[in-house]
Amino acid sequence: MTTGSRKDGSFATADRDQRDLESKLDQLGILMRRMVRVVRVPDDHAELTPTQMVVLSLLDEGSMRIGSLAATMGAAQNTISEVVARLTRSGLVRKTPDPVDGRAVLVELTPAGRQALESRRRAMRDYHRSVLKALSPKERHKFVEAFEVLVTMVEAARRQMSKRTIRQTTRQRRNDT
């Protein structure tokens, strides 16, 4: 906590901003836990974690290197390597040599992986349909609109975080030389 004071009130503002940030983090944690409980599809496929589903969804768009998967997901490469290893053992993905760089491998969906992904997507769509049907048309509109705002804000924050990380890395490299 910042102590002391300045004529411009910047210490008091910093304290207030920090308290607000901590309060919002607490609220966000509660909301995230509530959201996870309500968006889980009944009869959720326990064998597929949310992270595994994201990996399968990304690979549905085409094969990728593990590093690219990690960067796209904003996760550590070793974490995604472990996820890919589990999916490989389950027969849902396979690794193939990268035709551009023989030292690298590409990860791609297997037919079983595509089938598991489609099955999961159908179950999610059916569940989401029942959720939306329980709402009035006006509530549905508000729900989807609010979700769009949320996703857009998170995407914008991640872009800002990435820019900041790039700037910090560039500064660090300059300092190292």
C-alpha atoms as a PDB file:
ATOM      1  CA  MET A   1       0.000   0.000   0.000  1.00  0.00           C
ATOM      2  CA  THR A   2       1.290   3.439  -0.903  1.00  0.00           C
ATOM      3  CA  THR A   3       1.861   5.837   1.958  1.00  0.00           C
ATOM      4  CA  GLY A   4       2.498   9.536   2.076  1.00  0.00           C
ATOM      5  CA  SER A   5       0.820  12.151  -0.033  1.00  0.00           C
ATOM      6  CA  ARG A   6       1.478  14.468  -2.892  1.00  0.00           C
ATOM      7  CA  LYS A   7      -0.232  17.687  -3.752  1.00  0.00           C
ATOM      8  CA  ASP A   8      -1.635  16.171  -6.952  1.00  0.00           C
ATOM      9  CA  GLY A   9      -3.211  13.271  -4.993  1.00  0.00           C
ATOM     10  CA  SER A  10      -1.479  10.606  -7.122  1.00  0.00           C
ATOM     11  CA  PHE A  11      -0.757   8.349  -4.120  1.00  0.00           C
ATOM     12  CA  ALA A  12      -4.403   8.388  -3.067  1.00  0.00           C
ATOM     13  CA  THR A  13      -5.459   7.688  -6.655  1.00  0.00           C
ATOM     14  CA  ALA A  14      -2.996   4.801  -6.920  1.00  0.00           C
ATOM     15  CA  ASP A  15      -4.352   3.293  -3.683  1.00  0.00           C
ATOM     16  CA  ARG A  16      -7.923   3.685  -4.880  1.00  0.00           C
ATOM     17  CA  ASP A  17      -7.049   2.137  -8.263  1.00  0.00           C
ATOM     18  CA  GLN A  18      -5.309  -0.792  -6.543  1.00  0.00           C
ATOM     19  CA  ARG A  19      -8.285  -1.407  -4.229  1.00  0.00           C
ATOM     20  CA  ASP A  20     -10.642  -1.237  -7.216  1.00  0.00           C
ATOM     21  CA  LEU A  21      -8.449  -3.671  -9.156  1.00  0.00           C
ATOM     22  CA  GLU A  22      -8.392  -6.160  -6.270  1.00  0.00           C
ATOM     23  CA  SER A  23     -12.154  -5.855  -5.817  1.00  0.00           C
ATOM     24  CA  LYS A  24     -12.730  -6.462  -9.530  1.00  0.00           C
ATOM     25  CA  LEU A  25     -10.400  -9.476  -9.438  1.00  0.00           C
ATOM     26  CA  ASP A  26     -12.468 -10.947  -6.599  1.00  0.00           C
ATOM     27  CA  GLN A  27     -15.698 -10.313  -8.512  1.00  0.00           C
ATOM     28  CA  LEU A  28     -14.221 -11.748 -11.716  1.00  0.00           C
ATOM     29  CA  GLY A  29     -13.139 -14.907  -9.909  1.00  0.00           C
ATOM     30  CA  ILE A  30     -16.646 -15.428  -8.527  1.00  0.00           C
ATOM     31  CA  LEU A  31     -18.251 -14.747 -11.909  1.00  0.00           C
ATOM     32  CA  MET A  32     -15.839 -17.105 -13.697  1.00  0.00           C
ATOM     33  CA  ARG A  33     -16.613 -19.929 -11.267  1.00  0.00           C
ATOM     34  CA  ARG A  34     -20.349 -19.311 -11.718  1.00  0.00           C
ATOM     35  CA  MET A  35     -19.959 -19.212 -15.500  1.00  0.00           C
ATOM     36  CA  VAL A  36     -18.013 -22.473 -15.584  1.00  0.00           C
ATOM     37  CA  ARG A  37     -20.791 -24.144 -13.591  1.00  0.00           C
ATOM     38  CA  VAL A  38     -23.579 -22.891 -15.846  1.00  0.00           C
ATOM     39  CA  VAL A  39     -21.924 -23.386 -19.239  1.00  0.00           C
ATOM     40  CA  ARG A  40     -20.771 -26.934 -18.616  1.00  0.00           C
ATOM     41  CA  VAL A  41     -22.695 -29.216 -20.876  1.00  0.00           C
ATOM     42  CA  PRO A  42     -24.594 -31.934 -19.017  1.00  0.00           C
ATOM     43  CA  ASP A  43     -22.912 -35.294 -19.585  1.00  0.00           C
ATOM     44  CA  ASP A  44     -19.695 -33.383 -20.265  1.00  0.00           C
ATOM     45  CA  HIS A  45     -17.093 -35.603 -21.848  1.00  0.00           C
ATOM     46  CA  ALA A  46     -14.839 -36.026 -18.838  1.00  0.00           C
ATOM     47  CA  GLU A  47     -12.089 -37.367 -21.081  1.00  0.00           C
ATOM     48  CA  LEU A  48     -11.733 -33.998 -22.853  1.00  0.00           C
ATOM     49  CA  THR A  49     -10.674 -30.962 -20.852  1.00  0.00           C
ATOM     50  CA  PRO A  50     -11.561 -27.444 -22.001  1.00  0.00           C
ATOM     51  CA  THR A  51      -7.918 -26.933 -23.055  1.00  0.00           C
ATOM     52  CA  GLN A  52      -7.994 -30.121 -25.093  1.00  0.00           C
ATOM     53  CA  MET A  53     -11.199 -28.928 -26.771  1.00  0.00           C
ATOM     54  CA  VAL A  54      -9.541 -25.627 -27.709  1.00  0.00           C
ATOM     55  CA  VAL A  55      -6.565 -27.500 -29.190  1.00  0.00           C
ATOM     56  CA  LEU A  56      -8.873 -29.767 -31.199  1.00  0.00           C
ATOM     57  CA  SER A  57     -10.866 -26.740 -32.400  1.00  0.00           C
ATOM     58  CA  LEU A  58      -7.717 -24.952 -33.550  1.00  0.00           C
ATOM     59  CA  LEU A  59      -6.480 -28.063 -35.344  1.00  0.00           C
ATOM     60  CA  ASP A  60      -9.850 -28.351 -37.066  1.00  0.00           C
ATOM     61  CA  GLU A  61      -8.762 -25.242 -38.990  1.00  0.00           C
ATOM     62  CA  GLY A  62      -5.561 -26.991 -40.111  1.00  0.00           C
ATOM     63  CA  SER A  63      -2.374 -28.539 -38.808  1.00  0.00           C
ATOM     64  CA  MET A  64      -0.099 -26.431 -36.608  1.00  0.00           C
ATOM     65  CA  ARG A  65       3.226 -26.576 -34.841  1.00  0.00           C
ATOM     66  CA  ILE A  66       3.087 -26.878 -31.062  1.00  0.00           C
ATOM     67  CA  GLY A  67       4.713 -23.445 -30.688  1.00  0.00           C
ATOM     68  CA  SER A  68       2.010 -21.887 -32.863  1.00  0.00           C
ATOM     69  CA  LEU A  69      -0.705 -23.618 -30.859  1.00  0.00           C
ATOM     70  CA  ALA A  70       0.827 -22.302 -27.643  1.00  0.00           C
ATOM     71  CA  ALA A  71       1.145 -18.765 -28.996  1.00  0.00           C
ATOM     72  CA  THR A  72      -2.427 -18.769 -30.316  1.00  0.00           C
ATOM     73  CA  MET A  73      -3.735 -19.977 -26.981  1.00  0.00           C
ATOM     74  CA  GLY A  74      -1.511 -17.699 -24.908  1.00  0.00           C
ATOM     75  CA  ALA A  75      -0.107 -20.726 -23.084  1.00  0.00           C
ATOM     76  CA  ALA A  76       3.341 -22.056 -22.337  1.00  0.00           C
ATOM     77  CA  GLN A  77       4.763 -24.337 -24.998  1.00  0.00           C
ATOM     78  CA  ASN A  78       5.523 -27.111 -22.483  1.00  0.00           C
ATOM     79  CA  THR A  79       1.889 -27.024 -21.307  1.00  0.00           C
ATOM     80  CA  ILE A  80       0.589 -27.427 -24.843  1.00  0.00           C
ATOM     81  CA  SER A  81       3.173 -30.151 -25.502  1.00  0.00           C
ATOM     82  CA  GLU A  82       1.693 -32.109 -22.597  1.00  0.00           C
ATOM     83  CA  VAL A  83      -1.860 -31.560 -23.877  1.00  0.00           C
ATOM     84  CA  VAL A  84      -0.823 -32.716 -27.366  1.00  0.00           C
ATOM     85  CA  ALA A  85       0.915 -35.773 -25.887  1.00  0.00           C
ATOM     86  CA  ARG A  86      -2.311 -36.769 -24.088  1.00  0.00           C
ATOM     87  CA  LEU A  87      -4.387 -36.208 -27.229  1.00  0.00           C
ATOM     88  CA  THR A  88      -1.858 -38.252 -29.240  1.00  0.00           C
ATOM     89  CA  ARG A  89      -2.064 -41.144 -26.765  1.00  0.00           C
ATOM     90  CA  SER A  90      -5.865 -40.956 -27.035  1.00  0.00           C
ATOM     91  CA  GLY A  91      -5.629 -41.183 -30.824  1.00  0.00           C
ATOM     92  CA  LEU A  92      -7.285 -37.790 -31.355  1.00  0.00           C
ATOM     93  CA  VAL A  93      -4.266 -36.064 -32.938  1.00  0.00           C
ATOM     94  CA  ARG A  94      -1.080 -37.177 -34.636  1.00  0.00           C
ATOM     95  CA  LYS A  95       2.274 -35.586 -35.299  1.00  0.00           C
ATOM     96  CA  THR A  96       3.686 -35.466 -38.805  1.00  0.00           C
ATOM     97  CA  PRO A  97       6.978 -34.056 -40.123  1.00  0.00           C
ATOM     98  CA  ASP A  98       6.766 -30.408 -41.176  1.00  0.00           C
ATOM     99  CA  PRO A  99       7.389 -30.386 -44.956  1.00  0.00           C
ATOM    100  CA  VAL A 100       8.951 -26.911 -44.681  1.00  0.00           C
ATOM    101  CA  ASP A 101      11.280 -27.712 -41.775  1.00  0.00           C
ATOM    102  CA  GLY A 102      12.213 -31.359 -41.294  1.00  0.00           C
ATOM    103  CA  ARG A 103      13.308 -30.663 -37.702  1.00  0.00           C
ATOM    104  CA  ALA A 104       9.793 -29.580 -36.725  1.00  0.00           C
ATOM    105  CA  VAL A 105       6.525 -31.469 -36.493  1.00  0.00           C
ATOM    106  CA  LEU A 106       2.969 -30.500 -37.266  1.00  0.00           C
ATOM    107  CA  VAL A 107       0.046 -31.611 -35.144  1.00  0.00           C
ATOM    108  CA  GLU A 108      -3.157 -32.571 -36.945  1.00  0.00           C
ATOM    109  CA  LEU A 109      -6.540 -34.031 -36.116  1.00  0.00           C
ATOM    110  CA  THR A 110      -7.136 -37.715 -36.712  1.00  0.00           C
ATOM    111  CA  PRO A 111     -10.552 -38.914 -37.917  1.00  0.00           C
ATOM    112  CA  ALA A 112     -11.274 -39.945 -34.303  1.00  0.00           C
ATOM    113  CA  GLY A 113     -10.311 -36.441 -33.139  1.00  0.00           C
ATOM    114  CA  ARG A 114     -12.591 -34.823 -35.699  1.00  0.00           C
ATOM    115  CA  GLN A 115     -15.433 -37.146 -34.647  1.00  0.00           C
ATOM    116  CA  ALA A 116     -14.900 -36.358 -30.933  1.00  0.00           C
ATOM    117  CA  LEU A 117     -14.832 -32.630 -31.702  1.00  0.00           C
ATOM    118  CA  GLU A 118     -18.014 -32.766 -33.776  1.00  0.00           C
ATOM    119  CA  SER A 119     -19.781 -34.842 -31.127  1.00  0.00           C
ATOM    120  CA  ARG A 120     -18.799 -32.324 -28.470  1.00  0.00           C
ATOM    121  CA  ARG A 121     -19.873 -29.383 -30.645  1.00  0.00           C
ATOM    122  CA  ARG A 122     -23.287 -30.984 -31.238  1.00  0.00           C
ATOM    123  CA  ALA A 123     -23.753 -31.536 -27.500  1.00  0.00           C
ATOM    124  CA  MET A 124     -22.737 -27.933 -26.750  1.00  0.00           C
ATOM    125  CA  ARG A 125     -25.025 -26.552 -29.452  1.00  0.00           C
ATOM    126  CA  ASP A 126     -27.973 -28.590 -28.133  1.00  0.00           C
ATOM    127  CA  TYR A 127     -27.311 -27.375 -24.606  1.00  0.00           C
ATOM    128  CA  HIS A 128     -26.902 -23.755 -25.700  1.00  0.00           C
ATOM    129  CA  ARG A 129     -30.116 -24.058 -27.712  1.00  0.00           C
ATOM    130  CA  SER A 130     -31.978 -25.096 -24.552  1.00  0.00           C
ATOM    131  CA  VAL A 131     -30.456 -22.166 -22.640  1.00  0.00           C
ATOM    132  CA  LEU A 132     -31.469 -19.667 -25.332  1.00  0.00           C
ATOM    133  CA  LYS A 133     -34.943 -21.186 -25.660  1.00  0.00           C
ATOM    134  CA  ALA A 134     -35.474 -20.527 -21.943  1.00  0.00           C
ATOM    135  CA  LEU A 135     -34.980 -16.799 -22.605  1.00  0.00           C
ATOM    136  CA  SER A 136     -37.349 -14.370 -24.286  1.00  0.00           C
ATOM    137  CA  PRO A 137     -36.267 -13.036 -27.698  1.00  0.00           C
ATOM    138  CA  LYS A 138     -35.297  -9.738 -26.040  1.00  0.00           C
ATOM    139  CA  GLU A 139     -33.251 -11.547 -23.362  1.00  0.00           C
ATOM    140  CA  ARG A 140     -31.573 -13.683 -26.047  1.00  0.00           C
ATOM    141  CA  HIS A 141     -30.558 -10.544 -27.888  1.00  0.00           C
ATOM    142  CA  LYS A 142     -29.147  -9.004 -24.697  1.00  0.00           C
ATOM    143  CA  PHE A 143     -27.366 -12.236 -23.802  1.00  0.00           C
ATOM    144  CA  VAL A 144     -25.629 -12.588 -27.163  1.00  0.00           C
ATOM    145  CA  GLU A 145     -24.856  -8.866 -27.291  1.00  0.00           C
ATOM    146  CA  ALA A 146     -23.314  -8.948 -23.794  1.00  0.00           C
ATOM    147  CA  PHE A 147     -21.267 -11.999 -24.722  1.00  0.00           C
ATOM    148  CA  GLU A 148     -20.002 -10.226 -27.842  1.00  0.00           C
ATOM    149  CA  VAL A 149     -18.954  -7.222 -25.746  1.00  0.00           C
ATOM    150  CA  LEU A 150     -17.186  -9.493 -23.254  1.00  0.00           C
ATOM    151  CA  VAL A 151     -15.277 -11.411 -25.927  1.00  0.00           C
ATOM    152  CA  THR A 152     -14.325  -8.207 -27.760  1.00  0.00           C
ATOM    153  CA  MET A 153     -13.018  -6.627 -24.545  1.00  0.00           C
ATOM    154  CA  VAL A 154     -10.965  -9.693 -23.612  1.00  0.00           C
ATOM    155  CA  GLU A 155      -9.508  -9.871 -27.127  1.00  0.00           C
ATOM    156  CA  ALA A 156      -8.566  -6.182 -26.950  1.00  0.00           C
ATOM    157  CA  ALA A 157      -6.950  -6.666 -23.533  1.00  0.00           C
ATOM    158  CA  ARG A 158      -4.934  -9.638 -24.818  1.00  0.00           C
ATOM    159  CA  ARG A 159      -3.722  -7.590 -27.793  1.00  0.00           C
ATOM    160  CA  GLN A 160      -2.604  -4.847 -25.401  1.00  0.00           C
ATOM    161  CA  MET A 161      -0.880  -7.395 -23.177  1.00  0.00           C
ATOM    162  CA  SER A 162       0.904  -8.862 -26.214  1.00  0.00           C
ATOM    163  CA  LYS A 163       2.060  -5.416 -27.348  1.00  0.00           C
ATOM    164  CA  ARG A 164       3.339  -4.683 -23.850  1.00  0.00           C
ATOM    165  CA  THR A 165       5.185  -8.021 -23.731  1.00  0.00           C
ATOM    166  CA  ILE A 166       6.785  -7.342 -27.125  1.00  0.00           C
ATOM    167  CA  ARG A 167       7.880  -3.867 -25.997  1.00  0.00           C
ATOM    168  CA  GLN A 168       9.313  -5.262 -22.749  1.00  0.00           C
ATOM    169  CA  THR A 169      11.161  -8.022 -24.610  1.00  0.00           C
ATOM    170  CA  THR A 170      12.581  -5.516 -27.093  1.00  0.00           C
ATOM    171  CA  ARG A 171      13.712  -3.245 -24.251  1.00  0.00           C
ATOM    172  CA  GLN A 172      15.279  -6.191 -22.431  1.00  0.00           C
ATOM    173  CA  ARG A 173      17.172  -7.250 -25.558  1.00  0.00           C
ATOM    174  CA  ARG A 174      18.509  -3.712 -26.012  1.00  0.00           C
ATOM    175  CA  ASN A 175      19.637  -3.670 -22.370  1.00  0.00           C
ATOM    176  CA  ASP A 176      21.311  -7.064 -22.785  1.00  0.00           C
ATOM    177  CA  THR A 177      23.448  -5.857 -25.708  1.00  0.00           C
END
